[in-house]
Amino acid sequence: MSEPAIRIDGKRRGEFMGKVAELLPNGGNLNLCLTCGLCVSGCPAAGLEDMDPRKLLRMAAMGLDEEITSTPWVWMCTMCFRCSTVCPMQVDIPSLVYQLRASWPRDKKPKGIIGSCNQALRTEGASAVGISSDDFRFVVGDVLEEVRESQPGFADLQAPIDKKGAFFFVNQNSREPQQEPDEMVPLWKILHLAGADWTYGSTGWGAENYCMFAAEDDHWREVLQKQADGVKKLGCSSWINIECGHSFYSIWAGFKRFHIDPGVTFDHVVNWYARWIREGKLRPSSDWNKDLKLRFTVQDPCMAVRKSMGNSFAEELRFVVKACVGEENFVDMFPNRSNNYCCGGGGGFLQSGYKDARLNYGRVKVGQIQATKADYVITPCHNCHAQIEELSEHYHGDWRTVHLWTILCLSLGVLGENERSYLGPDLAEVGLG
C-alpha cells in the first residue's frame, strides 16, 4: 500500500532540518535519503499517527517544520536505531526525532516522562519514582533481614550501602524497592555467590534516566553527573549497571555526549554473569529443565545491543541463558541480535501516555515471540519486561516474561519462594525444599 500524499499548501521555507544537521557530528547525515523505504519496512512504529521514518524525513526536507514539530509520532518512535542500521546511506533519523522532542515546550511533553525526569533531578539517589535514599536504605535493610532469617545458607548475605572502597558500585532500578522489593534479592545472591565486593550508594543509586527520553540535555547530564559522583564519592573501581537497557545506554551514551569521565570501568551486569560463569564463580546447571523441557527465548534490548555494545553483548547474553536452561531448550526470535525488532517499551513509550499506540507497536514483537513457541521470554531490561509482559496479557499470549537474574538463580538452586512472581505454576516449586 502506498503512503498518503504529502500536501504542501503555499511556499514553505523550513529551518529545522538545517538546525538539526548543525547539531550532529560532522554536519550530520540527513540529506542522503534514497527514499528506498528500508527504514519503513523495519519500523514497528510505521503507520502510527499516519507517519513513518521516511515520511518524517521527507517532510523535514520539504520545510514542513510546523507539522513535524507538532506530530505526537516523535513520542511513539522509540529511537531504537533500526531504521538507521538498515539504511544504505546511514541517515540518522533517530537524532532528528530526538531534536524534534527537544523542540516541544516542556509543558507539552508527555507528563509521565517529565515527571520521572523531575523525580530523578529532585532525589539524591536519582530515583525516577521519587524514593528517597533513606527510604531505599530502609527497604533494602528490611528485605535483607527477612532473607537472612528465613533462607538457609544466606545468613551472611550482604546488601551494603555507602561501603567505601568497595570494588563494584551497583545501581538499582527504582521499580524494585518501590513495587517489588523481593526482586532485588536474586541479584544480591548472584553477587554473593560470585564473591563480589560491592555496594549501593546513597548518591546516584537509581539506574534510570528519563531526562534522556525527554530530550533535555542539561537534565540528562545533571542526573548522569549525580550517578557518577556517587561512584567517585565511595572510591569504587568498577560500575555495574543492573539488567536494564535504557539505564545502561543513558550512562554509556551520556559519557560520550557530555564528555564525562567516570574514572572507572562501566559495564552491564550480564557481561559479568558470563565472566563469573567462565571463571567458575557461578555454576549454573540446566538439569532442572531436562524433563520439563520448557522453551526459552530472549529479547535483545535495543539500548544494550544495537545502540551500544552490539552483537558481542548479544552473544554473552545467549551464553548465560543457555547455561541456565540448556542449549536444546533455547530458541531465538527471528530476526535477532542487532537486527532484532524493538518491543515498544523503550524511548519512554511506557511513560508517554499513548498506550493504544504502544500496544499496536508491539504487534511485531508478539508475532516474533509466538513463532518461537517459547514458554518464557527472558528480558534483561526493565522496559522490555514491562512491555512484553503487557503484550502477553493484551494479545492473549501464552508466554511468561521473566528477568534473567530469576532464571540464573533458579539454575543455581538458590531462588527463594518469594522471588518467583514472574514464574508460572510449572516452576513455582522447582528447587524448593
Protein backbone atom coordinates (compact mmCIF):
# COMPACT_ATOMS: atom_id res chain seq x y z
CA MET A 1 0.00 0.00 0.00
CA SER A 2 1.41 3.39 -0.99
CA GLU A 3 1.80 6.17 1.53
CA PRO A 4 -0.71 9.04 1.59
CA ALA A 5 0.46 12.02 -0.42
CA ILE A 6 2.14 14.87 1.43
CA ARG A 7 0.25 18.06 0.62
CA ILE A 8 2.07 21.38 0.71
CA ASP A 9 -0.07 24.49 0.74
CA GLY A 10 1.84 27.58 -0.32
CA LYS A 11 5.58 28.15 -0.29
CA ARG A 12 7.45 26.71 2.67
CA ARG A 13 10.88 27.62 3.95
CA GLY A 14 11.96 25.23 6.66
CA GLU A 15 14.80 25.86 9.05
CA PHE A 16 14.54 22.87 11.36
CA MET A 17 16.44 20.44 9.13
CA GLY A 18 19.44 22.75 8.96
CA LYS A 19 19.48 23.32 12.71
CA VAL A 20 19.47 19.59 13.39
CA ALA A 21 22.29 18.99 10.90
CA GLU A 22 24.42 21.53 12.75
CA LEU A 23 23.97 19.60 15.98
CA LEU A 24 25.06 16.26 14.56
CA PRO A 25 28.71 15.18 14.39
CA ASN A 26 30.45 16.21 11.15
CA GLY A 27 27.39 18.06 9.98
CA GLY A 28 25.18 15.00 10.33
CA ASN A 29 23.69 12.77 7.70
CA LEU A 30 20.12 13.76 6.94
CA ASN A 31 20.33 14.65 3.26
CA LEU A 32 21.34 11.38 1.62
CA CYS A 33 17.95 9.63 1.70
CA LEU A 34 17.30 7.48 -1.39
CA THR A 35 13.58 7.06 -0.46
CA CYS A 36 14.12 3.30 -0.74
CA GLY A 37 11.76 2.54 2.16
CA LEU A 38 14.01 0.15 4.09
CA CYS A 39 13.53 2.29 7.20
CA VAL A 40 9.76 1.93 6.93
CA SER A 41 9.83 -1.82 6.36
CA GLY A 42 11.78 -2.36 9.57
CA CYS A 43 9.93 0.11 11.79
CA PRO A 44 7.19 -1.15 14.15
CA ALA A 45 6.05 2.48 14.58
CA ALA A 46 5.36 2.92 10.86
CA GLY A 47 1.72 3.85 10.32
CA LEU A 48 1.08 5.21 13.79
CA GLU A 49 -0.33 8.75 13.55
CA ASP A 50 -0.15 8.28 9.75
CA MET A 51 3.63 8.71 10.00
CA ASP A 52 6.82 6.72 9.38
CA PRO A 53 10.58 7.43 9.34
CA ARG A 54 10.83 8.14 5.62
CA LYS A 55 7.80 10.40 5.60
CA LEU A 56 9.10 12.33 8.61
CA LEU A 57 12.46 12.87 6.94
CA ARG A 58 10.93 13.96 3.63
CA MET A 59 8.62 16.38 5.41
CA ALA A 60 11.61 17.88 7.19
CA ALA A 61 13.48 18.20 3.90
CA MET A 62 10.49 19.94 2.32
CA GLY A 63 10.31 22.51 5.09
CA LEU A 64 7.15 21.30 6.83
CA ASP A 65 8.51 22.46 10.17
CA GLU A 66 5.17 23.15 11.80
CA GLU A 67 3.89 19.67 11.01
CA ILE A 68 6.96 17.74 12.13
CA THR A 69 7.44 19.73 15.32
CA SER A 70 3.89 19.04 16.43
CA THR A 71 3.29 15.40 15.49
CA PRO A 72 2.97 13.12 18.55
CA TRP A 73 4.64 10.39 16.48
CA VAL A 74 8.02 11.51 17.82
CA TRP A 75 6.93 10.13 21.21
CA MET A 76 5.90 6.83 19.59
CA CYS A 77 9.18 6.33 17.77
CA THR A 78 11.42 4.62 20.32
CA MET A 79 14.62 5.84 18.63
CA CYS A 80 15.69 2.20 18.53
CA PHE A 81 18.16 2.85 15.66
CA ARG A 82 16.84 0.03 13.49
CA CYS A 83 15.99 2.47 10.70
CA SER A 84 19.48 3.93 10.58
CA THR A 85 21.06 0.47 10.89
CA VAL A 86 19.30 -0.87 7.79
CA CYS A 87 19.61 2.41 5.86
CA PRO A 88 22.14 2.04 2.99
CA MET A 89 23.09 5.70 3.48
CA GLN A 90 23.02 5.56 7.30
CA VAL A 91 20.68 8.53 7.56
CA ASP A 92 20.38 9.45 11.24
CA ILE A 93 16.61 9.65 11.68
CA PRO A 94 16.74 8.91 15.47
CA SER A 95 18.75 12.11 16.00
CA LEU A 96 16.12 14.02 14.05
CA VAL A 97 13.43 12.55 16.31
CA TYR A 98 15.46 13.47 19.41
CA GLN A 99 15.73 17.09 18.30
CA LEU A 100 12.03 17.17 17.47
CA ARG A 101 11.28 16.02 21.01
CA ALA A 102 13.61 18.70 22.32
CA SER A 103 11.70 21.34 20.35
CA TRP A 104 8.47 20.70 22.25
CA PRO A 105 7.67 23.11 25.10
CA ARG A 106 8.20 21.33 28.40
CA ASP A 107 4.57 21.69 29.44
CA LYS A 108 3.51 19.94 26.23
CA LYS A 109 5.81 16.93 26.59
CA PRO A 110 4.33 13.67 27.99
CA LYS A 111 3.71 14.19 31.68
CA GLY A 112 4.88 10.71 32.60
CA ILE A 113 8.32 11.23 31.08
CA ILE A 114 8.72 14.71 32.53
CA GLY A 115 7.54 13.53 35.94
CA SER A 116 10.12 10.75 36.03
CA CYS A 117 12.83 13.18 34.93
CA ASN A 118 11.84 15.64 37.66
CA GLN A 119 11.95 12.98 40.36
CA ALA A 120 15.47 11.93 39.36
CA LEU A 121 16.58 15.56 39.47
CA ARG A 122 14.96 16.07 42.88
CA THR A 123 16.22 13.00 44.73
CA GLU A 124 19.74 12.38 45.99
CA GLY A 125 19.64 8.84 44.66
CA ALA A 126 18.40 9.92 41.19
CA SER A 127 15.29 7.79 41.64
CA ALA A 128 12.82 8.30 38.81
CA VAL A 129 9.94 7.29 41.07
CA GLY A 130 10.95 9.66 43.87
CA ILE A 131 12.18 7.23 46.51
CA SER A 132 14.45 8.97 48.98
CA SER A 133 17.81 7.43 49.83
CA ASP A 134 16.62 6.97 53.42
CA ASP A 135 13.58 5.01 52.23
CA PHE A 136 15.77 2.98 49.89
CA ARG A 137 18.07 2.13 52.77
CA PHE A 138 15.08 1.07 54.91
CA VAL A 139 13.62 -1.20 52.20
CA VAL A 140 16.96 -2.83 51.46
CA GLY A 141 17.59 -3.45 55.15
CA ASP A 142 14.12 -4.83 55.76
CA VAL A 143 14.26 -7.27 52.84
CA LEU A 144 17.81 -8.32 53.70
CA GLU A 145 16.87 -9.12 57.29
CA GLU A 146 13.98 -11.30 56.16
CA VAL A 147 16.17 -13.28 53.74
CA ARG A 148 18.86 -13.81 56.36
CA GLU A 149 16.33 -15.15 58.85
CA SER A 150 14.26 -17.30 56.51
CA GLN A 151 16.59 -18.73 53.87
CA PRO A 152 19.19 -21.33 54.88
CA GLY A 153 22.64 -20.60 53.55
CA PHE A 154 22.15 -16.85 53.34
CA ALA A 155 22.52 -15.78 56.96
CA ASP A 156 25.54 -13.73 55.90
CA LEU A 157 24.06 -12.25 52.74
CA GLN A 158 25.10 -8.62 52.25
CA ALA A 159 23.45 -5.64 50.54
CA PRO A 160 25.72 -2.77 51.60
CA ILE A 161 25.03 0.91 51.07
CA ASP A 162 27.83 3.51 51.10
CA LYS A 163 30.60 0.97 51.64
CA LYS A 164 33.71 3.00 50.91
CA GLY A 165 36.38 1.34 48.83
CA ALA A 166 34.11 -1.45 47.55
CA PHE A 167 35.29 -2.71 44.18
CA PHE A 168 31.87 -2.57 42.48
CA PHE A 169 29.31 0.23 42.59
CA VAL A 170 25.94 -1.30 41.66
CA ASN A 171 22.91 0.76 40.72
CA GLN A 172 19.28 -0.36 41.07
CA ASN A 173 16.16 0.35 39.08
CA SER A 174 13.67 2.13 41.36
CA ARG A 175 10.87 -0.20 40.33
CA GLU A 176 12.11 -2.91 42.70
CA PRO A 177 12.29 -1.03 46.02
CA GLN A 178 9.01 0.71 45.22
CA GLN A 179 6.86 -2.10 43.79
CA GLU A 180 8.56 -5.49 44.18
CA PRO A 181 11.39 -5.44 46.72
CA ASP A 182 11.87 -9.22 46.66
CA GLU A 183 13.07 -8.86 43.07
CA MET A 184 16.27 -7.30 44.39
CA VAL A 185 17.23 -10.48 46.20
CA PRO A 186 18.27 -12.65 43.21
CA LEU A 187 20.83 -10.02 42.22
CA TRP A 188 22.20 -9.91 45.77
CA LYS A 189 22.53 -13.69 45.78
CA ILE A 190 24.37 -13.71 42.45
CA LEU A 191 26.81 -11.08 43.68
CA HIS A 192 27.23 -13.03 46.94
CA LEU A 193 27.94 -16.35 45.23
CA ALA A 194 30.37 -14.69 42.82
CA GLY A 195 32.27 -13.27 45.79
CA ALA A 196 31.82 -9.70 44.56
CA ASP A 197 32.88 -6.81 46.77
CA TRP A 198 30.10 -4.35 46.05
CA THR A 199 27.92 -1.54 47.33
CA TYR A 200 24.98 0.70 46.54
CA GLY A 201 25.40 4.41 47.15
CA SER A 202 23.10 6.95 48.79
CA THR A 203 24.05 9.28 45.95
CA GLY A 204 23.09 8.11 42.48
CA TRP A 205 21.85 4.60 43.29
CA GLY A 206 18.92 4.99 40.87
CA ALA A 207 19.68 3.45 37.50
CA GLU A 208 17.12 5.16 35.30
CA ASN A 209 17.34 8.49 33.49
CA TYR A 210 14.12 9.60 31.79
CA CYS A 211 15.54 13.03 31.13
CA MET A 212 17.21 11.39 28.14
CA PHE A 213 13.80 10.42 26.77
CA ALA A 214 12.56 13.95 27.40
CA ALA A 215 15.40 15.12 25.11
CA GLU A 216 16.63 17.56 27.74
CA ASP A 217 20.40 17.52 27.53
CA ASP A 218 21.01 19.68 30.60
CA HIS A 219 18.84 17.47 32.77
CA TRP A 220 20.20 14.23 31.26
CA ARG A 221 23.69 15.46 32.11
CA GLU A 222 22.67 16.53 35.62
CA VAL A 223 21.27 13.12 36.53
CA LEU A 224 24.24 11.33 34.98
CA GLN A 225 26.68 13.53 36.90
CA LYS A 226 24.84 12.70 40.13
CA GLN A 227 25.23 8.98 39.39
CA ALA A 228 28.93 9.39 38.53
CA ASP A 229 29.51 11.44 41.68
CA GLY A 230 28.06 8.59 43.75
CA VAL A 231 30.66 6.21 42.35
CA LYS A 232 33.53 8.63 42.90
CA LYS A 233 32.40 9.51 46.42
CA LEU A 234 32.79 5.89 47.54
CA GLY A 235 36.07 5.31 45.71
CA CYS A 236 34.81 2.29 43.79
CA SER A 237 36.86 0.78 40.96
CA SER A 238 34.11 -0.55 38.70
CA TRP A 239 30.49 0.34 37.98
CA ILE A 240 27.92 -2.36 37.26
CA ASN A 241 24.62 -1.45 35.63
CA ILE A 242 21.62 -3.58 36.51
CA GLU A 243 19.57 -5.56 33.96
CA CYS A 244 18.12 -2.50 32.26
CA GLY A 245 18.75 -1.38 28.69
CA HIS A 246 17.76 2.27 28.87
CA SER A 247 19.69 2.96 32.07
CA PHE A 248 22.79 1.36 30.58
CA TYR A 249 22.50 3.42 27.41
CA SER A 250 21.76 6.67 29.25
CA ILE A 251 25.07 6.28 31.07
CA TRP A 252 27.12 4.81 28.21
CA ALA A 253 25.94 7.38 25.65
CA GLY A 254 25.92 10.19 28.20
CA PHE A 255 29.63 9.76 28.89
CA LYS A 256 30.31 10.34 25.20
CA ARG A 257 27.75 13.06 24.63
CA PHE A 258 28.78 15.19 27.61
CA HIS A 259 32.48 14.28 27.74
CA ILE A 260 32.20 12.88 31.26
CA ASP A 261 34.98 10.63 32.51
CA PRO A 262 33.68 8.48 35.40
CA GLY A 263 37.21 7.39 36.27
CA VAL A 264 36.09 3.73 36.50
CA THR A 265 35.15 0.92 34.15
CA PHE A 266 31.44 0.71 33.39
CA ASP A 267 29.66 -2.43 32.24
CA HIS A 268 26.34 -4.25 32.09
CA VAL A 269 25.76 -6.92 34.72
CA VAL A 270 25.03 -9.59 32.07
CA ASN A 271 28.64 -9.35 30.90
CA TRP A 272 29.69 -10.03 34.48
CA TYR A 273 27.31 -13.01 34.71
CA ALA A 274 29.09 -14.51 31.71
CA ARG A 275 32.53 -13.75 33.11
CA TRP A 276 31.75 -15.27 36.50
CA ILE A 277 30.36 -18.42 34.86
CA ARG A 278 33.52 -18.84 32.77
CA GLU A 279 35.67 -18.29 35.85
CA GLY A 280 33.73 -20.93 37.77
CA LYS A 281 32.48 -18.44 40.36
CA LEU A 282 28.92 -19.16 39.27
CA ARG A 283 27.98 -22.73 38.35
CA PRO A 284 24.50 -22.80 36.84
CA SER A 285 23.01 -26.12 35.82
CA SER A 286 20.19 -26.80 33.37
CA ASP A 287 19.37 -30.19 34.94
CA TRP A 288 16.15 -28.79 36.36
CA ASN A 289 14.87 -28.44 32.77
CA LYS A 290 15.87 -31.88 31.43
CA ASP A 291 12.44 -33.39 31.99
CA LEU A 292 10.36 -30.21 31.90
CA LYS A 293 11.85 -29.18 28.52
CA LEU A 294 10.45 -25.67 28.84
CA ARG A 295 11.33 -23.47 25.87
CA PHE A 296 13.00 -20.10 26.38
CA THR A 297 13.69 -17.20 24.09
CA VAL A 298 15.38 -13.89 24.83
CA GLN A 299 14.66 -10.28 23.98
CA ASP A 300 17.71 -8.36 22.75
CA PRO A 301 17.36 -4.91 24.36
CA CYS A 302 17.89 -2.28 21.65
CA MET A 303 19.70 0.00 24.08
CA ALA A 304 22.27 -2.61 25.11
CA VAL A 305 22.71 -4.35 21.77
CA ARG A 306 22.04 -2.34 18.62
CA LYS A 307 22.62 1.10 20.18
CA SER A 308 25.74 0.37 22.23
CA MET A 309 27.58 -2.94 22.71
CA GLY A 310 26.40 -4.75 19.58
CA ASN A 311 26.41 -8.47 18.92
CA SER A 312 29.18 -9.17 21.42
CA PHE A 313 26.71 -8.42 24.21
CA ALA A 314 24.02 -10.48 22.48
CA GLU A 315 26.37 -13.47 22.40
CA GLU A 316 27.22 -13.13 26.10
CA LEU A 317 23.50 -12.93 26.86
CA ARG A 318 22.89 -16.19 24.99
CA PHE A 319 25.85 -17.87 26.65
CA VAL A 320 24.33 -17.18 30.07
CA VAL A 321 20.81 -18.17 29.07
CA LYS A 322 21.88 -21.46 27.52
CA ALA A 323 23.95 -22.31 30.59
CA CYS A 324 20.81 -21.85 32.70
CA VAL A 325 18.09 -23.50 30.60
CA GLY A 326 20.00 -25.90 28.34
CA GLU A 327 21.05 -25.12 24.78
CA GLU A 328 18.47 -27.55 23.41
CA ASN A 329 15.70 -25.61 25.18
CA PHE A 330 16.66 -22.21 23.78
CA VAL A 331 15.12 -20.83 20.60
CA ASP A 332 15.94 -17.47 19.03
CA MET A 333 13.47 -14.95 17.74
CA PHE A 334 13.92 -14.00 14.10
CA PRO A 335 15.44 -11.59 13.34
CA ASN A 336 17.65 -11.29 16.40
CA ARG A 337 20.73 -9.70 17.94
CA SER A 338 21.48 -6.27 16.38
CA ASN A 339 18.73 -6.80 13.85
CA ASN A 340 16.02 -7.58 16.39
CA TYR A 341 12.83 -5.54 16.48
CA CYS A 342 12.18 -3.13 19.31
CA CYS A 343 9.35 -4.34 21.55
CA GLY A 344 7.94 -0.85 22.07
CA GLY A 345 8.90 -0.47 25.72
CA GLY A 346 11.83 1.83 25.06
CA GLY A 347 12.15 5.51 24.21
CA GLY A 348 9.95 6.46 27.15
CA PHE A 349 6.93 4.92 25.39
CA LEU A 350 5.77 3.29 28.64
CA GLN A 351 5.52 6.72 30.28
CA SER A 352 4.28 8.65 27.25
CA GLY A 353 0.55 8.11 27.77
CA TYR A 354 0.00 6.68 24.26
CA LYS A 355 -0.97 3.21 25.44
CA ASP A 356 -3.05 2.13 22.44
CA ALA A 357 -0.28 3.15 20.05
CA ARG A 358 2.29 1.33 22.19
CA LEU A 359 0.33 -1.91 22.15
CA ASN A 360 -0.18 -1.55 18.40
CA TYR A 361 3.57 -1.03 18.00
CA GLY A 362 4.15 -4.27 19.90
CA ARG A 363 2.30 -6.48 17.43
CA VAL A 364 5.55 -7.17 15.58
CA LYS A 365 7.13 -8.43 18.77
CA VAL A 366 4.10 -10.59 19.54
CA GLY A 367 4.48 -12.28 16.17
CA GLN A 368 8.18 -12.89 16.80
CA ILE A 369 7.58 -14.45 20.20
CA GLN A 370 4.68 -16.62 19.09
CA ALA A 371 6.76 -18.00 16.23
CA THR A 372 9.29 -19.36 18.75
CA LYS A 373 6.59 -21.24 20.70
CA ALA A 374 8.53 -20.29 23.82
CA ASP A 375 7.08 -20.77 27.29
CA TYR A 376 9.22 -17.95 28.71
CA VAL A 377 10.71 -14.74 27.35
CA ILE A 378 13.83 -13.65 29.23
CA THR A 379 14.16 -9.86 29.26
CA PRO A 380 17.37 -8.37 30.69
CA CYS A 381 15.79 -4.92 30.59
CA HIS A 382 13.07 -3.39 32.76
CA ASN A 383 11.21 -1.57 30.00
CA CYS A 384 11.30 -4.64 27.75
CA HIS A 385 10.00 -6.69 30.66
CA ALA A 386 7.06 -4.39 31.36
CA GLN A 387 6.09 -4.09 27.69
CA ILE A 388 6.41 -7.77 26.76
CA GLU A 389 4.50 -8.82 29.87
CA GLU A 390 1.68 -6.43 28.96
CA LEU A 391 1.73 -7.60 25.33
CA SER A 392 1.16 -11.16 26.53
CA GLU A 393 -1.86 -10.06 28.55
CA HIS A 394 -3.28 -7.82 25.83
CA TYR A 395 -2.87 -10.22 22.92
CA HIS A 396 -3.60 -13.34 24.98
CA GLY A 397 -0.11 -14.70 24.53
CA ASP A 398 0.83 -17.99 26.14
CA TRP A 399 4.27 -16.97 27.35
CA ARG A 400 5.56 -15.62 30.65
CA THR A 401 8.06 -12.80 30.96
CA VAL A 402 10.98 -13.11 33.36
CA HIS A 403 14.20 -11.37 34.39
CA LEU A 404 17.48 -13.15 33.68
CA TRP A 405 18.51 -12.99 37.35
CA THR A 406 15.47 -15.13 38.21
CA ILE A 407 16.43 -17.91 35.82
CA LEU A 408 20.09 -17.69 36.81
CA CYS A 409 19.23 -18.11 40.48
CA LEU A 410 16.84 -20.95 39.63
CA SER A 411 19.66 -22.73 37.78
CA LEU A 412 21.98 -22.11 40.74
CA GLY A 413 19.43 -23.70 43.08
CA VAL A 414 19.04 -20.60 45.26
CA LEU A 415 15.79 -19.00 44.09
CA GLY A 416 13.60 -18.31 47.10
CA GLU A 417 9.86 -18.82 47.39
CA ASN A 418 9.12 -15.08 47.37
CA GLU A 419 11.32 -14.46 44.33
CA ARG A 420 9.11 -16.24 41.78
CA SER A 421 6.46 -13.64 40.95
CA TYR A 422 7.00 -13.97 37.20
CA LEU A 423 7.24 -17.75 37.06
CA GLY A 424 4.29 -19.94 36.14
CA PRO A 425 2.90 -22.96 38.02
CA ASP A 426 5.39 -25.16 36.15
CA LEU A 427 8.29 -23.52 38.02
CA ALA A 428 6.59 -22.39 41.21
CA GLU A 429 8.23 -25.08 43.34
CA VAL A 430 11.22 -26.19 41.29
CA GLY A 431 14.31 -26.20 43.52
CA LEU A 432 12.42 -25.55 46.75
CA GLY A 433 12.89 -27.81 49.76
